[in-house]
Amino acid sequence: MSSILKILPKNYLSYITGKLASIEPPAFILRPILTWFINRYEVNLNEVDRDTKSFKSVADFFLRDLKEGIRPIKGDLVSPVDGTFRSCGN
């Protein structure tokens, strides 16, 4: 798998992924996608400042605002994502 990743055109794939995520599909297509993602990655919807039905695209969901003060910044390392910092290279 890692050998495939080395030869893929990453900039182009990133561009295409961004374009696809920005498409505003009908709600009957978008909602199951977002529901799957929310359930699969255990997204805490109590932190979101609006109803999930208001999102117009996958990108809109990924760029969502959180409620004021829900994740205060502490320390020098900031990672403003729904994820876990696991390792760091050189």
PDB file of N, CA and C in Angstrom:
ATOM      1  N   MET A   1       0.818  -1.200   0.000  1.00  0.00           N
ATOM      2  CA  MET A   1       0.000   0.000   0.000  1.00  0.00           C
ATOM      3  C   MET A   1       0.859   1.260   0.000  1.00  0.00           C
ATOM      4  N   SER A   2       1.927   1.287   0.789  1.00  0.00           N
ATOM      5  CA  SER A   2       2.761   2.481   0.860  1.00  0.00           C
ATOM      6  C   SER A   2       3.441   2.777  -0.473  1.00  0.00           C
ATOM      7  N   SER A   3       3.726   1.740  -1.258  1.00  0.00           N
ATOM      8  CA  SER A   3       4.348   1.969  -2.560  1.00  0.00           C
ATOM      9  C   SER A   3       3.378   2.660  -3.516  1.00  0.00           C
ATOM     10  N   ILE A   4       2.093   2.345  -3.396  1.00  0.00           N
ATOM     11  CA  ILE A   4       1.082   3.014  -4.220  1.00  0.00           C
ATOM     12  C   ILE A   4       0.992   4.484  -3.837  1.00  0.00           C
ATOM     13  N   LEU A   5       1.039   4.760  -2.556  1.00  0.00           N
ATOM     14  CA  LEU A   5       0.950   6.143  -2.086  1.00  0.00           C
ATOM     15  C   LEU A   5       2.111   6.995  -2.587  1.00  0.00           C
ATOM     16  N   LYS A   6       3.259   6.377  -2.788  1.00  0.00           N
ATOM     17  CA  LYS A   6       4.427   7.127  -3.256  1.00  0.00           C
ATOM     18  C   LYS A   6       4.280   7.602  -4.691  1.00  0.00           C
ATOM     19  N   ILE A   7       3.520   6.879  -5.511  1.00  0.00           N
ATOM     20  CA  ILE A   7       3.413   7.240  -6.927  1.00  0.00           C
ATOM     21  C   ILE A   7       2.141   8.018  -7.268  1.00  0.00           C
ATOM     22  N   LEU A   8       1.204   8.109  -6.336  1.00  0.00           N
ATOM     23  CA  LEU A   8      -0.033   8.835  -6.605  1.00  0.00           C
ATOM     24  C   LEU A   8       0.229  10.341  -6.726  1.00  0.00           C
ATOM     25  N   PRO A   9      -0.481  11.006  -7.637  1.00  0.00           N
ATOM     26  CA  PRO A   9      -0.347  12.465  -7.776  1.00  0.00           C
ATOM     27  C   PRO A   9      -1.117  13.171  -6.659  1.00  0.00           C
ATOM     28  N   LYS A  10      -0.480  13.343  -5.513  1.00  0.00           N
ATOM     29  CA  LYS A  10      -1.157  13.817  -4.301  1.00  0.00           C
ATOM     30  C   LYS A  10      -1.803  15.190  -4.457  1.00  0.00           C
ATOM     31  N   ASN A  11      -1.144  16.115  -5.119  1.00  0.00           N
ATOM     32  CA  ASN A  11      -1.724  17.447  -5.287  1.00  0.00           C
ATOM     33  C   ASN A  11      -3.013  17.383  -6.103  1.00  0.00           C
ATOM     34  N   TYR A  12      -2.991  16.605  -7.160  1.00  0.00           N
ATOM     35  CA  TYR A  12      -4.169  16.461  -8.014  1.00  0.00           C
ATOM     36  C   TYR A  12      -5.301  15.766  -7.256  1.00  0.00           C
ATOM     37  N   LEU A  13      -4.984  14.692  -6.538  1.00  0.00           N
ATOM     38  CA  LEU A  13      -6.004  13.975  -5.775  1.00  0.00           C
ATOM     39  C   LEU A  13      -6.604  14.860  -4.681  1.00  0.00           C
ATOM     40  N   SER A  14      -5.783  15.661  -4.044  1.00  0.00           N
ATOM     41  CA  SER A  14      -6.268  16.584  -3.029  1.00  0.00           C
ATOM     42  C   SER A  14      -7.213  17.613  -3.644  1.00  0.00           C
ATOM     43  N   TYR A  15      -6.845  18.117  -4.813  1.00  0.00           N
ATOM     44  CA  TYR A  15      -7.676  19.087  -5.530  1.00  0.00           C
ATOM     45  C   TYR A  15      -9.038  18.484  -5.886  1.00  0.00           C
ATOM     46  N   ILE A  16      -9.022  17.284  -6.453  1.00  0.00           N
ATOM     47  CA  ILE A  16     -10.259  16.604  -6.854  1.00  0.00           C
ATOM     48  C   ILE A  16     -11.125  16.297  -5.628  1.00  0.00           C
ATOM     49  N   THR A  17     -10.507  15.834  -4.554  1.00  0.00           N
ATOM     50  CA  THR A  17     -11.242  15.534  -3.328  1.00  0.00           C
ATOM     51  C   THR A  17     -11.923  16.789  -2.791  1.00  0.00           C
ATOM     52  N   GLY A  18     -11.207  17.916  -2.822  1.00  0.00           N
ATOM     53  CA  GLY A  18     -11.792  19.183  -2.381  1.00  0.00           C
ATOM     54  C   GLY A  18     -12.971  19.599  -3.231  1.00  0.00           C
ATOM     55  N   LYS A  19     -12.851  19.426  -4.541  1.00  0.00           N
ATOM     56  CA  LYS A  19     -13.955  19.770  -5.451  1.00  0.00           C
ATOM     57  C   LYS A  19     -15.167  18.884  -5.186  1.00  0.00           C
ATOM     58  N   LEU A  20     -14.936  17.579  -5.013  1.00  0.00           N
ATOM     59  CA  LEU A  20     -16.035  16.654  -4.735  1.00  0.00           C
ATOM     60  C   LEU A  20     -16.714  16.983  -3.412  1.00  0.00           C
ATOM     61  N   ALA A  21     -15.922  17.317  -2.409  1.00  0.00           N
ATOM     62  CA  ALA A  21     -16.474  17.631  -1.087  1.00  0.00           C
ATOM     63  C   ALA A  21     -17.288  18.921  -1.110  1.00  0.00           C
ATOM     64  N   SER A  22     -17.019  19.795  -2.065  1.00  0.00           N
ATOM     65  CA  SER A  22     -17.721  21.077  -2.148  1.00  0.00           C
ATOM     66  C   SER A  22     -19.030  21.008  -2.924  1.00  0.00           C
ATOM     67  N   ILE A  23     -19.282  19.891  -3.597  1.00  0.00           N
ATOM     68  CA  ILE A  23     -20.543  19.728  -4.332  1.00  0.00           C
ATOM     69  C   ILE A  23     -21.692  19.749  -3.334  1.00  0.00           C
ATOM     70  N   GLU A  24     -22.763  20.438  -3.682  1.00  0.00           N
ATOM     71  CA  GLU A  24     -23.936  20.522  -2.820  1.00  0.00           C
ATOM     72  C   GLU A  24     -25.014  19.580  -3.338  1.00  0.00           C
ATOM     73  N   PRO A  25     -24.962  18.316  -2.902  1.00  0.00           N
ATOM     74  CA  PRO A  25     -25.955  17.346  -3.372  1.00  0.00           C
ATOM     75  C   PRO A  25     -27.293  17.538  -2.672  1.00  0.00           C
ATOM     76  N   PRO A  26     -28.349  16.907  -3.200  1.00  0.00           N
ATOM     77  CA  PRO A  26     -29.644  16.965  -2.496  1.00  0.00           C
ATOM     78  C   PRO A  26     -29.519  16.328  -1.112  1.00  0.00           C
ATOM     79  N   ALA A  27     -30.388  16.743  -0.209  1.00  0.00           N
ATOM     80  CA  ALA A  27     -30.333  16.270   1.176  1.00  0.00           C
ATOM     81  C   ALA A  27     -30.423  14.749   1.273  1.00  0.00           C
ATOM     82  N   PHE A  28     -31.208  14.108   0.395  1.00  0.00           N
ATOM     83  CA  PHE A  28     -31.359  12.660   0.499  1.00  0.00           C
ATOM     84  C   PHE A  28     -30.073  11.913   0.153  1.00  0.00           C
ATOM     85  N   ILE A  29     -29.127  12.584  -0.467  1.00  0.00           N
ATOM     86  CA  ILE A  29     -27.804  11.997  -0.732  1.00  0.00           C
ATOM     87  C   ILE A  29     -26.822  12.408   0.363  1.00  0.00           C
ATOM     88  N   LEU A  30     -26.836  13.691   0.729  1.00  0.00           N
ATOM     89  CA  LEU A  30     -25.872  14.218   1.695  1.00  0.00           C
ATOM     90  C   LEU A  30     -26.077  13.677   3.104  1.00  0.00           C
ATOM     91  N   ARG A  31     -27.307  13.620   3.571  1.00  0.00           N
ATOM     92  CA  ARG A  31     -27.558  13.215   4.962  1.00  0.00           C
ATOM     93  C   ARG A  31     -27.036  11.823   5.290  1.00  0.00           C
ATOM     94  N   PRO A  32     -27.250  10.812   4.438  1.00  0.00           N
ATOM     95  CA  PRO A  32     -26.679   9.497   4.763  1.00  0.00           C
ATOM     96  C   PRO A  32     -25.153   9.502   4.806  1.00  0.00           C
ATOM     97  N   ILE A  33     -24.527  10.306   3.959  1.00  0.00           N
ATOM     98  CA  ILE A  33     -23.067  10.407   3.960  1.00  0.00           C
ATOM     99  C   ILE A  33     -22.594  10.996   5.283  1.00  0.00           C
ATOM    100  N   LEU A  34     -23.215  12.111   5.688  1.00  0.00           N
ATOM    101  CA  LEU A  34     -22.820  12.755   6.939  1.00  0.00           C
ATOM    102  C   LEU A  34     -23.160  11.878   8.143  1.00  0.00           C
ATOM    103  N   THR A  35     -24.294  11.212   8.108  1.00  0.00           N
ATOM    104  CA  THR A  35     -24.675  10.318   9.205  1.00  0.00           C
ATOM    105  C   THR A  35     -23.666   9.191   9.346  1.00  0.00           C
ATOM    106  N   TRP A  36     -23.259   8.605   8.228  1.00  0.00           N
ATOM    107  CA  TRP A  36     -22.257   7.544   8.277  1.00  0.00           C
ATOM    108  C   TRP A  36     -20.968   8.060   8.903  1.00  0.00           C
ATOM    109  N   PHE A  37     -20.492   9.225   8.440  1.00  0.00           N
ATOM    110  CA  PHE A  37     -19.242   9.789   8.949  1.00  0.00           C
ATOM    111  C   PHE A  37     -19.354  10.102  10.442  1.00  0.00           C
ATOM    112  N   ILE A  38     -20.458  10.721  10.848  1.00  0.00           N
ATOM    113  CA  ILE A  38     -20.673  11.076  12.253  1.00  0.00           C
ATOM    114  C   ILE A  38     -20.637   9.828  13.127  1.00  0.00           C
ATOM    115  N   ASN A  39     -21.318   8.778  12.687  1.00  0.00           N
ATOM    116  CA  ASN A  39     -21.348   7.535  13.465  1.00  0.00           C
ATOM    117  C   ASN A  39     -20.012   6.806  13.435  1.00  0.00           C
ATOM    118  N   ARG A  40     -19.393   6.737  12.282  1.00  0.00           N
ATOM    119  CA  ARG A  40     -18.139   6.000  12.124  1.00  0.00           C
ATOM    120  C   ARG A  40     -17.022   6.613  12.960  1.00  0.00           C
ATOM    121  N   TYR A  41     -16.945   7.943  12.988  1.00  0.00           N
ATOM    122  CA  TYR A  41     -15.860   8.627  13.679  1.00  0.00           C
ATOM    123  C   TYR A  41     -16.305   9.279  14.990  1.00  0.00           C
ATOM    124  N   GLU A  42     -17.493   8.932  15.445  1.00  0.00           N
ATOM    125  CA  GLU A  42     -18.013   9.383  16.734  1.00  0.00           C
ATOM    126  C   GLU A  42     -17.880  10.896  16.931  1.00  0.00           C
ATOM    127  N   VAL A  43     -18.362  11.651  15.953  1.00  0.00           N
ATOM    128  CA  VAL A  43     -18.322  13.112  16.017  1.00  0.00           C
ATOM    129  C   VAL A  43     -19.289  13.567  17.113  1.00  0.00           C
ATOM    130  N   ASN A  44     -18.806  14.410  18.006  1.00  0.00           N
ATOM    131  CA  ASN A  44     -19.622  14.926  19.104  1.00  0.00           C
ATOM    132  C   ASN A  44     -20.456  16.094  18.598  1.00  0.00           C
ATOM    133  N   LEU A  45     -21.726  15.842  18.327  1.00  0.00           N
ATOM    134  CA  LEU A  45     -22.602  16.878  17.788  1.00  0.00           C
ATOM    135  C   LEU A  45     -23.003  17.912  18.835  1.00  0.00           C
ATOM    136  N   ASN A  46     -22.738  17.635  20.112  1.00  0.00           N
ATOM    137  CA  ASN A  46     -23.013  18.629  21.150  1.00  0.00           C
ATOM    138  C   ASN A  46     -22.074  19.824  21.051  1.00  0.00           C
ATOM    139  N   GLU A  47     -20.982  19.679  20.312  1.00  0.00           N
ATOM    140  CA  GLU A  47     -20.016  20.772  20.155  1.00  0.00           C
ATOM    141  C   GLU A  47     -20.354  21.689  18.976  1.00  0.00           C
ATOM    142  N   VAL A  48     -21.230  21.234  18.102  1.00  0.00           N
ATOM    143  CA  VAL A  48     -21.544  21.966  16.868  1.00  0.00           C
ATOM    144  C   VAL A  48     -22.537  23.081  17.157  1.00  0.00           C
ATOM    145  N   ASP A  49     -22.321  24.242  16.512  1.00  0.00           N
ATOM    146  CA  ASP A  49     -23.161  25.403  16.814  1.00  0.00           C
ATOM    147  C   ASP A  49     -24.444  25.481  15.984  1.00  0.00           C
ATOM    148  N   ARG A  50     -24.710  24.470  15.146  1.00  0.00           N
ATOM    149  CA  ARG A  50     -25.949  24.484  14.358  1.00  0.00           C
ATOM    150  C   ARG A  50     -26.421  23.064  14.078  1.00  0.00           C
ATOM    151  N   ASP A  51     -27.636  22.963  13.578  1.00  0.00           N
ATOM    152  CA  ASP A  51     -28.238  21.671  13.284  1.00  0.00           C
ATOM    153  C   ASP A  51     -27.545  21.021  12.076  1.00  0.00           C
ATOM    154  N   THR A  52     -27.326  19.726  12.143  1.00  0.00           N
ATOM    155  CA  THR A  52     -26.617  19.040  11.056  1.00  0.00           C
ATOM    156  C   THR A  52     -27.404  19.064   9.746  1.00  0.00           C
ATOM    157  N   LYS A  53     -28.702  19.272   9.796  1.00  0.00           N
ATOM    158  CA  LYS A  53     -29.500  19.340   8.564  1.00  0.00           C
ATOM    159  C   LYS A  53     -29.219  20.613   7.770  1.00  0.00           C
ATOM    160  N   SER A  54     -28.543  21.572   8.374  1.00  0.00           N
ATOM    161  CA  SER A  54     -28.267  22.835   7.688  1.00  0.00           C
ATOM    162  C   SER A  54     -27.015  22.785   6.816  1.00  0.00           C
ATOM    163  N   PHE A  55     -26.219  21.717   6.922  1.00  0.00           N
ATOM    164  CA  PHE A  55     -25.004  21.627   6.110  1.00  0.00           C
ATOM    165  C   PHE A  55     -25.362  21.378   4.656  1.00  0.00           C
ATOM    166  N   LYS A  56     -24.686  22.083   3.758  1.00  0.00           N
ATOM    167  CA  LYS A  56     -24.983  22.000   2.327  1.00  0.00           C
ATOM    168  C   LYS A  56     -24.063  21.051   1.570  1.00  0.00           C
ATOM    169  N   SER A  57     -22.917  20.699   2.176  1.00  0.00           N
ATOM    170  CA  SER A  57     -21.948  19.829   1.509  1.00  0.00           C
ATOM    171  C   SER A  57     -21.086  19.145   2.562  1.00  0.00           C
ATOM    172  N   VAL A  58     -20.304  18.188   2.117  1.00  0.00           N
ATOM    173  CA  VAL A  58     -19.358  17.526   3.018  1.00  0.00           C
ATOM    174  C   VAL A  58     -18.334  18.555   3.507  1.00  0.00           C
ATOM    175  N   ALA A  59     -17.866  19.414   2.602  1.00  0.00           N
ATOM    176  CA  ALA A  59     -16.899  20.451   2.992  1.00  0.00           C
ATOM    177  C   ALA A  59     -17.501  21.395   4.031  1.00  0.00           C
ATOM    178  N   ASP A  60     -18.760  21.737   3.863  1.00  0.00           N
ATOM    179  CA  ASP A  60     -19.447  22.606   4.826  1.00  0.00           C
ATOM    180  C   ASP A  60     -19.445  21.959   6.209  1.00  0.00           C
ATOM    181  N   PHE A  61     -19.659  20.658   6.268  1.00  0.00           N
ATOM    182  CA  PHE A  61     -19.619  19.940   7.541  1.00  0.00           C
ATOM    183  C   PHE A  61     -18.217  19.929   8.132  1.00  0.00           C
ATOM    184  N   PHE A  62     -17.211  19.680   7.304  1.00  0.00           N
ATOM    185  CA  PHE A  62     -15.836  19.607   7.800  1.00  0.00           C
ATOM    186  C   PHE A  62     -15.318  20.962   8.267  1.00  0.00           C
ATOM    187  N   LEU A  63     -15.860  22.026   7.744  1.00  0.00           N
ATOM    188  CA  LEU A  63     -15.428  23.377   8.115  1.00  0.00           C
ATOM    189  C   LEU A  63     -16.381  24.021   9.122  1.00  0.00           C
ATOM    190  N   ARG A  64     -17.152  23.209   9.832  1.00  0.00           N
ATOM    191  CA  ARG A  64     -18.177  23.701  10.748  1.00  0.00           C
ATOM    192  C   ARG A  64     -17.569  24.480  11.919  1.00  0.00           C
ATOM    193  N   ASP A  65     -18.332  25.449  12.388  1.00  0.00           N
ATOM    194  CA  ASP A  65     -17.958  26.177  13.594  1.00  0.00           C
ATOM    195  C   ASP A  65     -18.424  25.387  14.812  1.00  0.00           C
ATOM    196  N   LEU A  66     -17.694  25.553  15.878  1.00  0.00           N
ATOM    197  CA  LEU A  66     -18.064  24.927  17.145  1.00  0.00           C
ATOM    198  C   LEU A  66     -18.651  25.985  18.069  1.00  0.00           C
ATOM    199  N   LYS A  67     -19.349  25.525  19.091  1.00  0.00           N
ATOM    200  CA  LYS A  67     -19.894  26.453  20.073  1.00  0.00           C
ATOM    201  C   LYS A  67     -18.751  27.218  20.732  1.00  0.00           C
ATOM    202  N   GLU A  68     -19.020  28.450  21.075  1.00  0.00           N
ATOM    203  CA  GLU A  68     -18.035  29.327  21.699  1.00  0.00           C
ATOM    204  C   GLU A  68     -17.472  28.701  22.969  1.00  0.00           C
ATOM    205  N   GLY A  69     -16.138  28.645  23.067  1.00  0.00           N
ATOM    206  CA  GLY A  69     -15.459  28.172  24.260  1.00  0.00           C
ATOM    207  C   GLY A  69     -15.451  26.671  24.462  1.00  0.00           C
ATOM    208  N   ILE A  70     -15.940  25.912  23.484  1.00  0.00           N
ATOM    209  CA  ILE A  70     -16.060  24.465  23.660  1.00  0.00           C
ATOM    210  C   ILE A  70     -14.698  23.767  23.699  1.00  0.00           C
ATOM    211  N   ARG A  71     -13.711  24.295  22.987  1.00  0.00           N
ATOM    212  CA  ARG A  71     -12.369  23.705  22.983  1.00  0.00           C
ATOM    213  C   ARG A  71     -11.329  24.803  23.214  1.00  0.00           C
ATOM    214  N   PRO A  72     -11.122  25.175  24.469  1.00  0.00           N
ATOM    215  CA  PRO A  72     -10.132  26.229  24.738  1.00  0.00           C
ATOM    216  C   PRO A  72      -8.730  25.770  24.339  1.00  0.00           C
ATOM    217  N   ILE A  73      -7.945  26.702  23.867  1.00  0.00           N
ATOM    218  CA  ILE A  73      -6.577  26.407  23.445  1.00  0.00           C
ATOM    219  C   ILE A  73      -5.678  26.410  24.678  1.00  0.00           C
ATOM    220  N   LYS A  74      -4.929  25.315  24.832  1.00  0.00           N
ATOM    221  CA  LYS A  74      -4.006  25.188  25.961  1.00  0.00           C
ATOM    222  C   LYS A  74      -2.643  24.775  25.426  1.00  0.00           C
ATOM    223  N   GLY A  75      -1.615  25.416  25.873  1.00  0.00           N
ATOM    224  CA  GLY A  75      -0.265  25.037  25.469  1.00  0.00           C
ATOM    225  C   GLY A  75       0.147  25.632  24.134  1.00  0.00           C
ATOM    226  N   ASP A  76       1.286  25.153  23.636  1.00  0.00           N
ATOM    227  CA  ASP A  76       1.879  25.696  22.417  1.00  0.00           C
ATOM    228  C   ASP A  76       1.495  24.935  21.152  1.00  0.00           C
ATOM    229  N   LEU A  77       1.076  23.685  21.287  1.00  0.00           N
ATOM    230  CA  LEU A  77       0.743  22.870  20.131  1.00  0.00           C
ATOM    231  C   LEU A  77      -0.756  22.904  19.900  1.00  0.00           C
ATOM    232  N   VAL A  78      -1.171  23.424  18.742  1.00  0.00           N
ATOM    233  CA  VAL A  78      -2.584  23.550  18.423  1.00  0.00           C
ATOM    234  C   VAL A  78      -2.897  22.666  17.225  1.00  0.00           C
ATOM    235  N   SER A  79      -3.921  21.839  17.354  1.00  0.00           N
ATOM    236  CA  SER A  79      -4.364  20.970  16.274  1.00  0.00           C
ATOM    237  C   SER A  79      -5.874  21.107  16.151  1.00  0.00           C
ATOM    238  N   PRO A  80      -6.338  22.082  15.358  1.00  0.00           N
ATOM    239  CA  PRO A  80      -7.774  22.380  15.303  1.00  0.00           C
ATOM    240  C   PRO A  80      -8.546  21.402  14.416  1.00  0.00           C
ATOM    241  N   VAL A  81      -8.535  20.141  14.787  1.00  0.00           N
ATOM    242  CA  VAL A  81      -9.217  19.119  13.998  1.00  0.00           C
ATOM    243  C   VAL A  81      -9.906  18.128  14.919  1.00  0.00           C
ATOM    244  N   ASP A  82     -10.837  17.382  14.351  1.00  0.00           N
ATOM    245  CA  ASP A  82     -11.436  16.264  15.074  1.00  0.00           C
ATOM    246  C   ASP A  82     -10.530  15.072  14.859  1.00  0.00           C
ATOM    247  N   GLY A  83      -9.550  14.925  15.695  1.00  0.00           N
ATOM    248  CA  GLY A  83      -8.608  13.832  15.523  1.00  0.00           C
ATOM    249  C   GLY A  83      -7.709  13.709  16.731  1.00  0.00           C
ATOM    250  N   THR A  84      -6.784  12.801  16.619  1.00  0.00           N
ATOM    251  CA  THR A  84      -5.833  12.548  17.685  1.00  0.00           C
ATOM    252  C   THR A  84      -4.427  12.680  17.144  1.00  0.00           C
ATOM    253  N   PHE A  85      -3.593  13.435  17.823  1.00  0.00           N
ATOM    254  CA  PHE A  85      -2.205  13.598  17.431  1.00  0.00           C
ATOM    255  C   PHE A  85      -1.455  12.373  17.926  1.00  0.00           C
ATOM    256  N   ARG A  86      -0.934  11.561  17.004  1.00  0.00           N
ATOM    257  CA  ARG A  86      -0.311  10.297  17.381  1.00  0.00           C
ATOM    258  C   ARG A  86       1.196  10.291  17.270  1.00  0.00           C
ATOM    259  N   SER A  87       1.744  10.980  16.288  1.00  0.00           N
ATOM    260  CA  SER A  87       3.197  10.974  16.130  1.00  0.00           C
ATOM    261  C   SER A  87       3.636  12.191  15.346  1.00  0.00           C
ATOM    262  N   CYS A  88       4.938  12.427  15.357  1.00  0.00           N
ATOM    263  CA  CYS A  88       5.511  13.564  14.651  1.00  0.00           C
ATOM    264  C   CYS A  88       6.870  13.148  14.111  1.00  0.00           C
ATOM    265  N   GLY A  89       7.101  13.461  12.850  1.00  0.00           N
ATOM    266  CA  GLY A  89       8.401  13.123  12.250  1.00  0.00           C
ATOM    267  C   GLY A  89       9.444  14.150  12.599  1.00  0.00           C
ATOM    268  N   ASN A  90      10.588  14.058  11.924  1.00  0.00           N
ATOM    269  CA  ASN A  90      11.683  15.000  12.174  1.00  0.00           C
ATOM    270  C   ASN A  90      11.194  16.364  11.842  1.00  0.00           C
TER     271      ASN A  90
END
